[in-house]
Amino acid sequence: MTQLIHFWYTYFMTTTKTRINITADRDVKKSLVAAAKRDGMPTASKAAELLRLALELEEDLALSDLADSRLTGKKIKWLSHRQVWK
């Protein structure tokens, strides 16, 4: 009896990138493909780039909220540029 074993083509290919599955509607896919084509890059690379930008914006919003919370409810003395550099 002969046993046949099938391997997926990426079985022996290691990667440092994490793969994620995203379900996108038709309009999002169309826009993503168009942006990738415009920039001359693969669609997956464009999606990763846009995700990085979105995460940076999320971080900026979180840090802005943190800064605002530190400024509220406190009596703060503001200094002018000249006062600081005297």
PDB file of N, CA and C in Angstrom:
ATOM      1  N   MET A   1       0.843  -1.167   0.000  1.00  0.00           N
ATOM      2  CA  MET A   1       0.000   0.000   0.000  1.00  0.00           C
ATOM      3  C   MET A   1       0.898   1.243   0.000  1.00  0.00           C
ATOM      4  N   THR A   2       0.592   2.200  -0.844  1.00  0.00           N
ATOM      5  CA  THR A   2       1.352   3.434  -0.959  1.00  0.00           C
ATOM      6  C   THR A   2       0.553   4.570  -0.339  1.00  0.00           C
ATOM      7  N   GLN A   3       1.221   5.360   0.458  1.00  0.00           N
ATOM      8  CA  GLN A   3       0.551   6.488   1.106  1.00  0.00           C
ATOM      9  C   GLN A   3       0.985   7.769   0.414  1.00  0.00           C
ATOM     10  N   LEU A   4       0.024   8.595   0.057  1.00  0.00           N
ATOM     11  CA  LEU A   4       0.290   9.852  -0.627  1.00  0.00           C
ATOM     12  C   LEU A   4       0.050  10.992   0.359  1.00  0.00           C
ATOM     13  N   ILE A   5       1.046  11.856   0.516  1.00  0.00           N
ATOM     14  CA  ILE A   5       0.936  12.990   1.435  1.00  0.00           C
ATOM     15  C   ILE A   5       1.003  14.271   0.606  1.00  0.00           C
ATOM     16  N   HIS A   6       0.028  15.131   0.810  1.00  0.00           N
ATOM     17  CA  HIS A   6      -0.010  16.415   0.105  1.00  0.00           C
ATOM     18  C   HIS A   6       0.436  17.523   1.049  1.00  0.00           C
ATOM     19  N   PHE A   7       1.289  18.408   0.568  1.00  0.00           N
ATOM     20  CA  PHE A   7       1.720  19.573   1.328  1.00  0.00           C
ATOM     21  C   PHE A   7       1.231  20.822   0.629  1.00  0.00           C
ATOM     22  N   TRP A   8       0.820  21.775   1.421  1.00  0.00           N
ATOM     23  CA  TRP A   8       0.472  23.080   0.876  1.00  0.00           C
ATOM     24  C   TRP A   8       1.756  23.732   0.379  1.00  0.00           C
ATOM     25  N   TYR A   9       1.664  24.504  -0.706  1.00  0.00           N
ATOM     26  CA  TYR A   9       2.876  25.034  -1.328  1.00  0.00           C
ATOM     27  C   TYR A   9       3.668  25.963  -0.423  1.00  0.00           C
ATOM     28  N   THR A  10       3.040  26.522   0.609  1.00  0.00           N
ATOM     29  CA  THR A  10       3.769  27.414   1.513  1.00  0.00           C
ATOM     30  C   THR A  10       4.218  26.707   2.781  1.00  0.00           C
ATOM     31  N   TYR A  11       4.086  25.406   2.832  1.00  0.00           N
ATOM     32  CA  TYR A  11       4.397  24.652   4.044  1.00  0.00           C
ATOM     33  C   TYR A  11       5.833  24.887   4.522  1.00  0.00           C
ATOM     34  N   PHE A  12       6.779  24.911   3.601  1.00  0.00           N
ATOM     35  CA  PHE A  12       8.183  25.053   3.977  1.00  0.00           C
ATOM     36  C   PHE A  12       8.682  26.493   3.864  1.00  0.00           C
ATOM     37  N   MET A  13       7.814  27.416   3.490  1.00  0.00           N
ATOM     38  CA  MET A  13       8.221  28.814   3.331  1.00  0.00           C
ATOM     39  C   MET A  13       7.897  29.573   4.615  1.00  0.00           C
ATOM     40  N   THR A  14       8.918  30.009   5.320  1.00  0.00           N
ATOM     41  CA  THR A  14       8.688  30.770   6.542  1.00  0.00           C
ATOM     42  C   THR A  14       8.562  32.245   6.207  1.00  0.00           C
ATOM     43  N   THR A  15       7.827  32.954   7.008  1.00  0.00           N
ATOM     44  CA  THR A  15       7.660  34.383   6.803  1.00  0.00           C
ATOM     45  C   THR A  15       7.624  35.070   8.162  1.00  0.00           C
ATOM     46  N   THR A  16       8.053  36.307   8.185  1.00  0.00           N
ATOM     47  CA  THR A  16       8.023  37.077   9.421  1.00  0.00           C
ATOM     48  C   THR A  16       6.753  37.905   9.523  1.00  0.00           C
ATOM     49  N   LYS A  17       5.990  37.966   8.455  1.00  0.00           N
ATOM     50  CA  LYS A  17       4.760  38.755   8.441  1.00  0.00           C
ATOM     51  C   LYS A  17       3.579  37.903   8.867  1.00  0.00           C
ATOM     52  N   THR A  18       2.691  38.514   9.612  1.00  0.00           N
ATOM     53  CA  THR A  18       1.475  37.845  10.032  1.00  0.00           C
ATOM     54  C   THR A  18       0.411  38.036   8.965  1.00  0.00           C
ATOM     55  N   ARG A  19      -0.253  36.967   8.608  1.00  0.00           N
ATOM     56  CA  ARG A  19      -1.321  37.044   7.616  1.00  0.00           C
ATOM     57  C   ARG A  19      -2.651  37.214   8.335  1.00  0.00           C
ATOM     58  N   ILE A  20      -3.470  38.130   7.806  1.00  0.00           N
ATOM     59  CA  ILE A  20      -4.803  38.330   8.348  1.00  0.00           C
ATOM     60  C   ILE A  20      -5.804  38.275   7.201  1.00  0.00           C
ATOM     61  N   ASN A  21      -7.002  37.867   7.518  1.00  0.00           N
ATOM     62  CA  ASN A  21      -8.075  37.841   6.524  1.00  0.00           C
ATOM     63  C   ASN A  21      -9.024  38.988   6.807  1.00  0.00           C
ATOM     64  N   ILE A  22      -9.354  39.737   5.767  1.00  0.00           N
ATOM     65  CA  ILE A  22     -10.260  40.871   5.900  1.00  0.00           C
ATOM     66  C   ILE A  22     -11.374  40.712   4.874  1.00  0.00           C
ATOM     67  N   THR A  23     -12.595  40.901   5.316  1.00  0.00           N
ATOM     68  CA  THR A  23     -13.727  40.894   4.396  1.00  0.00           C
ATOM     69  C   THR A  23     -14.072  42.341   4.082  1.00  0.00           C
ATOM     70  N   ALA A  24     -13.982  42.702   2.815  1.00  0.00           N
ATOM     71  CA  ALA A  24     -14.251  44.077   2.388  1.00  0.00           C
ATOM     72  C   ALA A  24     -15.388  44.077   1.374  1.00  0.00           C
ATOM     73  N   ASP A  25     -16.193  45.126   1.428  1.00  0.00           N
ATOM     74  CA  ASP A  25     -17.263  45.207   0.440  1.00  0.00           C
ATOM     75  C   ASP A  25     -16.699  45.611  -0.922  1.00  0.00           C
ATOM     76  N   ARG A  26     -17.531  45.598  -1.898  1.00  0.00           N
ATOM     77  CA  ARG A  26     -17.108  45.823  -3.279  1.00  0.00           C
ATOM     78  C   ARG A  26     -16.463  47.197  -3.474  1.00  0.00           C
ATOM     79  N   ASP A  27     -17.047  48.228  -2.846  1.00  0.00           N
ATOM     80  CA  ASP A  27     -16.506  49.588  -3.010  1.00  0.00           C
ATOM     81  C   ASP A  27     -15.117  49.727  -2.399  1.00  0.00           C
ATOM     82  N   VAL A  28     -14.920  49.113  -1.246  1.00  0.00           N
ATOM     83  CA  VAL A  28     -13.604  49.174  -0.595  1.00  0.00           C
ATOM     84  C   VAL A  28     -12.572  48.449  -1.450  1.00  0.00           C
ATOM     85  N   LYS A  29     -12.935  47.288  -1.955  1.00  0.00           N
ATOM     86  CA  LYS A  29     -12.005  46.529  -2.799  1.00  0.00           C
ATOM     87  C   LYS A  29     -11.651  47.322  -4.056  1.00  0.00           C
ATOM     88  N   LYS A  30     -12.647  47.928  -4.668  1.00  0.00           N
ATOM     89  CA  LYS A  30     -12.413  48.711  -5.886  1.00  0.00           C
ATOM     90  C   LYS A  30     -11.462  49.878  -5.606  1.00  0.00           C
ATOM     91  N   SER A  31     -11.682  50.574  -4.496  1.00  0.00           N
ATOM     92  CA  SER A  31     -10.819  51.702  -4.133  1.00  0.00           C
ATOM     93  C   SER A  31      -9.407  51.242  -3.798  1.00  0.00           C
ATOM     94  N   LEU A  32      -9.309  50.122  -3.094  1.00  0.00           N
ATOM     95  CA  LEU A  32      -8.001  49.591  -2.715  1.00  0.00           C
ATOM     96  C   LEU A  32      -7.208  49.163  -3.940  1.00  0.00           C
ATOM     97  N   VAL A  33      -7.853  48.480  -4.856  1.00  0.00           N
ATOM     98  CA  VAL A  33      -7.181  48.039  -6.088  1.00  0.00           C
ATOM     99  C   VAL A  33      -6.733  49.252  -6.908  1.00  0.00           C
ATOM    100  N   ALA A  34      -7.607  50.267  -6.988  1.00  0.00           N
ATOM    101  CA  ALA A  34      -7.255  51.473  -7.756  1.00  0.00           C
ATOM    102  C   ALA A  34      -6.068  52.202  -7.130  1.00  0.00           C
ATOM    103  N   ALA A  35      -6.056  52.318  -5.797  1.00  0.00           N
ATOM    104  CA  ALA A  35      -4.940  52.993  -5.116  1.00  0.00           C
ATOM    105  C   ALA A  35      -3.645  52.211  -5.284  1.00  0.00           C
ATOM    106  N   ALA A  36      -3.728  50.894  -5.215  1.00  0.00           N
ATOM    107  CA  ALA A  36      -2.533  50.060  -5.390  1.00  0.00           C
ATOM    108  C   ALA A  36      -2.001  50.184  -6.814  1.00  0.00           C
ATOM    109  N   LYS A  37      -2.895  50.181  -7.762  1.00  0.00           N
ATOM    110  CA  LYS A  37      -2.483  50.308  -9.167  1.00  0.00           C
ATOM    111  C   LYS A  37      -1.851  51.670  -9.409  1.00  0.00           C
ATOM    112  N   ARG A  38      -2.468  52.723  -8.846  1.00  0.00           N
ATOM    113  CA  ARG A  38      -1.939  54.078  -8.997  1.00  0.00           C
ATOM    114  C   ARG A  38      -0.523  54.186  -8.456  1.00  0.00           C
ATOM    115  N   ASP A  39      -0.276  53.528  -7.318  1.00  0.00           N
ATOM    116  CA  ASP A  39       1.033  53.606  -6.671  1.00  0.00           C
ATOM    117  C   ASP A  39       2.001  52.529  -7.138  1.00  0.00           C
ATOM    118  N   GLY A  40       1.557  51.655  -8.039  1.00  0.00           N
ATOM    119  CA  GLY A  40       2.430  50.625  -8.588  1.00  0.00           C
ATOM    120  C   GLY A  40       2.881  49.599  -7.558  1.00  0.00           C
ATOM    121  N   MET A  41       1.959  49.165  -6.729  1.00  0.00           N
ATOM    122  CA  MET A  41       2.300  48.197  -5.692  1.00  0.00           C
ATOM    123  C   MET A  41       1.208  47.141  -5.598  1.00  0.00           C
ATOM    124  N   PRO A  42       1.527  45.996  -5.007  1.00  0.00           N
ATOM    125  CA  PRO A  42       0.504  44.961  -4.833  1.00  0.00           C
ATOM    126  C   PRO A  42      -0.624  45.449  -3.917  1.00  0.00           C
ATOM    127  N   THR A  43      -1.796  44.912  -4.136  1.00  0.00           N
ATOM    128  CA  THR A  43      -2.960  45.298  -3.342  1.00  0.00           C
ATOM    129  C   THR A  43      -2.739  45.022  -1.863  1.00  0.00           C
ATOM    130  N   ALA A  44      -2.148  43.889  -1.527  1.00  0.00           N
ATOM    131  CA  ALA A  44      -1.901  43.550  -0.120  1.00  0.00           C
ATOM    132  C   ALA A  44      -0.933  44.542   0.522  1.00  0.00           C
ATOM    133  N   SER A  45       0.069  44.986  -0.219  1.00  0.00           N
ATOM    134  CA  SER A  45       1.022  45.963   0.319  1.00  0.00           C
ATOM    135  C   SER A  45       0.337  47.298   0.569  1.00  0.00           C
ATOM    136  N   LYS A  46      -0.547  47.684  -0.347  1.00  0.00           N
ATOM    137  CA  LYS A  46      -1.288  48.939  -0.179  1.00  0.00           C
ATOM    138  C   LYS A  46      -2.207  48.848   1.035  1.00  0.00           C
ATOM    139  N   ALA A  47      -2.860  47.697   1.206  1.00  0.00           N
ATOM    140  CA  ALA A  47      -3.736  47.506   2.363  1.00  0.00           C
ATOM    141  C   ALA A  47      -2.927  47.609   3.659  1.00  0.00           C
ATOM    142  N   ALA A  48      -1.747  47.005   3.689  1.00  0.00           N
ATOM    143  CA  ALA A  48      -0.890  47.065   4.884  1.00  0.00           C
ATOM    144  C   ALA A  48      -0.454  48.499   5.163  1.00  0.00           C
ATOM    145  N   GLU A  49      -0.118  49.236   4.111  1.00  0.00           N
ATOM    146  CA  GLU A  49       0.296  50.633   4.275  1.00  0.00           C
ATOM    147  C   GLU A  49      -0.853  51.470   4.847  1.00  0.00           C
ATOM    148  N   LEU A  50      -2.051  51.271   4.310  1.00  0.00           N
ATOM    149  CA  LEU A  50      -3.205  52.020   4.793  1.00  0.00           C
ATOM    150  C   LEU A  50      -3.554  51.646   6.235  1.00  0.00           C
ATOM    151  N   LEU A  51      -3.382  50.389   6.596  1.00  0.00           N
ATOM    152  CA  LEU A  51      -3.607  49.986   7.982  1.00  0.00           C
ATOM    153  C   LEU A  51      -2.611  50.650   8.926  1.00  0.00           C
ATOM    154  N   ARG A  52      -1.342  50.733   8.495  1.00  0.00           N
ATOM    155  CA  ARG A  52      -0.328  51.412   9.314  1.00  0.00           C
ATOM    156  C   ARG A  52      -0.702  52.878   9.526  1.00  0.00           C
ATOM    157  N   LEU A  53      -1.148  53.548   8.461  1.00  0.00           N
ATOM    158  CA  LEU A  53      -1.550  54.954   8.583  1.00  0.00           C
ATOM    159  C   LEU A  53      -2.744  55.103   9.515  1.00  0.00           C
ATOM    160  N   ALA A  54      -3.711  54.211   9.394  1.00  0.00           N
ATOM    161  CA  ALA A  54      -4.893  54.266  10.261  1.00  0.00           C
ATOM    162  C   ALA A  54      -4.508  54.049  11.716  1.00  0.00           C
ATOM    163  N   LEU A  55      -3.586  53.136  11.982  1.00  0.00           N
ATOM    164  CA  LEU A  55      -3.145  52.892  13.353  1.00  0.00           C
ATOM    165  C   LEU A  55      -2.394  54.092  13.923  1.00  0.00           C
ATOM    166  N   GLU A  56      -1.628  54.787  13.085  1.00  0.00           N
ATOM    167  CA  GLU A  56      -0.949  55.998  13.539  1.00  0.00           C
ATOM    168  C   GLU A  56      -1.959  57.072  13.907  1.00  0.00           C
ATOM    169  N   LEU A  57      -3.027  57.198  13.108  1.00  0.00           N
ATOM    170  CA  LEU A  57      -4.078  58.169  13.425  1.00  0.00           C
ATOM    171  C   LEU A  57      -4.780  57.803  14.735  1.00  0.00           C
ATOM    172  N   GLU A  58      -5.046  56.526  14.945  1.00  0.00           N
ATOM    173  CA  GLU A  58      -5.660  56.075  16.198  1.00  0.00           C
ATOM    174  C   GLU A  58      -4.765  56.411  17.389  1.00  0.00           C
ATOM    175  N   GLU A  59      -3.461  56.211  17.224  1.00  0.00           N
ATOM    176  CA  GLU A  59      -2.529  56.524  18.295  1.00  0.00           C
ATOM    177  C   GLU A  59      -2.524  58.020  18.578  1.00  0.00           C
ATOM    178  N   ASP A  60      -2.526  58.828  17.523  1.00  0.00           N
ATOM    179  CA  ASP A  60      -2.561  60.282  17.701  1.00  0.00           C
ATOM    180  C   ASP A  60      -3.810  60.720  18.459  1.00  0.00           C
ATOM    181  N   LEU A  61      -4.964  60.126  18.119  1.00  0.00           N
ATOM    182  CA  LEU A  61      -6.204  60.471  18.812  1.00  0.00           C
ATOM    183  C   LEU A  61      -6.141  60.081  20.288  1.00  0.00           C
ATOM    184  N   ALA A  62      -5.600  58.910  20.571  1.00  0.00           N
ATOM    185  CA  ALA A  62      -5.494  58.455  21.960  1.00  0.00           C
ATOM    186  C   ALA A  62      -4.559  59.366  22.757  1.00  0.00           C
ATOM    187  N   LEU A  63      -3.435  59.740  22.173  1.00  0.00           N
ATOM    188  CA  LEU A  63      -2.497  60.623  22.873  1.00  0.00           C
ATOM    189  C   LEU A  63      -3.074  62.023  23.051  1.00  0.00           C
ATOM    190  N   SER A  64      -3.848  62.476  22.071  1.00  0.00           N
ATOM    191  CA  SER A  64      -4.505  63.778  22.183  1.00  0.00           C
ATOM    192  C   SER A  64      -5.526  63.772  23.320  1.00  0.00           C
ATOM    193  N   ASP A  65      -6.295  62.686  23.417  1.00  0.00           N
ATOM    194  CA  ASP A  65      -7.252  62.555  24.522  1.00  0.00           C
ATOM    195  C   ASP A  65      -6.540  62.536  25.867  1.00  0.00           C
ATOM    196  N   LEU A  66      -5.415  61.849  25.940  1.00  0.00           N
ATOM    197  CA  LEU A  66      -4.637  61.793  27.175  1.00  0.00           C
ATOM    198  C   LEU A  66      -4.144  63.185  27.555  1.00  0.00           C
ATOM    199  N   ALA A  67      -3.621  63.918  26.588  1.00  0.00           N
ATOM    200  CA  ALA A  67      -3.128  65.278  26.860  1.00  0.00           C
ATOM    201  C   ALA A  67      -4.265  66.184  27.293  1.00  0.00           C
ATOM    202  N   ASP A  68      -5.422  66.064  26.641  1.00  0.00           N
ATOM    203  CA  ASP A  68      -6.572  66.892  27.022  1.00  0.00           C
ATOM    204  C   ASP A  68      -7.026  66.579  28.442  1.00  0.00           C
ATOM    205  N   SER A  69      -7.015  65.297  28.808  1.00  0.00           N
ATOM    206  CA  SER A  69      -7.444  64.926  30.157  1.00  0.00           C
ATOM    207  C   SER A  69      -6.483  65.462  31.207  1.00  0.00           C
ATOM    208  N   ARG A  70      -5.225  65.593  30.873  1.00  0.00           N
ATOM    209  CA  ARG A  70      -4.246  66.130  31.822  1.00  0.00           C
ATOM    210  C   ARG A  70      -4.394  67.632  31.997  1.00  0.00           C
ATOM    211  N   LEU A  71      -4.973  68.310  30.995  1.00  0.00           N
ATOM    212  CA  LEU A  71      -5.102  69.761  31.059  1.00  0.00           C
ATOM    213  C   LEU A  71      -6.402  70.216  31.709  1.00  0.00           C
ATOM    214  N   THR A  72      -7.407  69.379  31.754  1.00  0.00           N
ATOM    215  CA  THR A  72      -8.697  69.800  32.287  1.00  0.00           C
ATOM    216  C   THR A  72      -8.709  69.717  33.805  1.00  0.00           C
ATOM    217  N   GLY A  73      -9.396  70.672  34.389  1.00  0.00           N
ATOM    218  CA  GLY A  73      -9.570  70.657  35.835  1.00  0.00           C
ATOM    219  C   GLY A  73      -8.358  71.082  36.630  1.00  0.00           C
ATOM    220  N   LYS A  74      -7.351  71.584  36.003  1.00  0.00           N
ATOM    221  CA  LYS A  74      -6.159  72.021  36.724  1.00  0.00           C
ATOM    222  C   LYS A  74      -5.929  73.498  36.460  1.00  0.00           C
ATOM    223  N   LYS A  75      -5.451  74.170  37.477  1.00  0.00           N
ATOM    224  CA  LYS A  75      -5.092  75.572  37.296  1.00  0.00           C
ATOM    225  C   LYS A  75      -3.686  75.595  36.704  1.00  0.00           C
ATOM    226  N   ILE A  76      -3.599  76.012  35.473  1.00  0.00           N
ATOM    227  CA  ILE A  76      -2.321  75.979  34.760  1.00  0.00           C
ATOM    228  C   ILE A  76      -1.875  77.403  34.463  1.00  0.00           C
ATOM    229  N   LYS A  77      -0.631  77.677  34.734  1.00  0.00           N
ATOM    230  CA  LYS A  77      -0.061  78.972  34.399  1.00  0.00           C
ATOM    231  C   LYS A  77       0.686  78.813  33.080  1.00  0.00           C
ATOM    232  N   TRP A  78       0.228  79.536  32.076  1.00  0.00           N
ATOM    233  CA  TRP A  78       0.852  79.467  30.758  1.00  0.00           C
ATOM    234  C   TRP A  78       1.965  80.491  30.663  1.00  0.00           C
ATOM    235  N   LEU A  79       3.056  80.106  30.041  1.00  0.00           N
ATOM    236  CA  LEU A  79       4.200  80.993  29.869  1.00  0.00           C
ATOM    237  C   LEU A  79       4.385  81.304  28.396  1.00  0.00           C
ATOM    238  N   SER A  80       4.786  82.531  28.124  1.00  0.00           N
ATOM    239  CA  SER A  80       5.070  82.902  26.738  1.00  0.00           C
ATOM    240  C   SER A  80       6.439  82.348  26.335  1.00  0.00           C
ATOM    241  N   HIS A  81       6.725  82.421  25.065  1.00  0.00           N
ATOM    242  CA  HIS A  81       8.002  81.947  24.553  1.00  0.00           C
ATOM    243  C   HIS A  81       9.158  82.711  25.206  1.00  0.00           C
ATOM    244  N   ARG A  82       9.006  84.009  25.332  1.00  0.00           N
ATOM    245  CA  ARG A  82      10.059  84.846  25.947  1.00  0.00           C
ATOM    246  C   ARG A  82      10.283  84.485  27.408  1.00  0.00           C
ATOM    247  N   GLN A  83       9.182  84.221  28.139  1.00  0.00           N
ATOM    248  CA  GLN A  83       9.330  83.870  29.550  1.00  0.00           C
ATOM    249  C   GLN A  83      10.069  82.547  29.727  1.00  0.00           C
ATOM    250  N   VAL A  84       9.820  81.618  28.856  1.00  0.00           N
ATOM    251  CA  VAL A  84      10.469  80.324  28.970  1.00  0.00           C
ATOM    252  C   VAL A  84      11.955  80.428  28.700  1.00  0.00           C
ATOM    253  N   TRP A  85      12.356  81.237  27.740  1.00  0.00           N
ATOM    254  CA  TRP A  85      13.754  81.298  27.312  1.00  0.00           C
ATOM    255  C   TRP A  85      14.550  82.417  27.959  1.00  0.00           C
ATOM    256  N   LYS A  86      14.048  82.993  29.048  1.00  0.00           N
ATOM    257  CA  LYS A  86      14.817  84.022  29.780  1.00  0.00           C
ATOM    258  C   LYS A  86      15.995  83.415  30.497  1.00  0.00           C
TER     259      LYS A  86
END
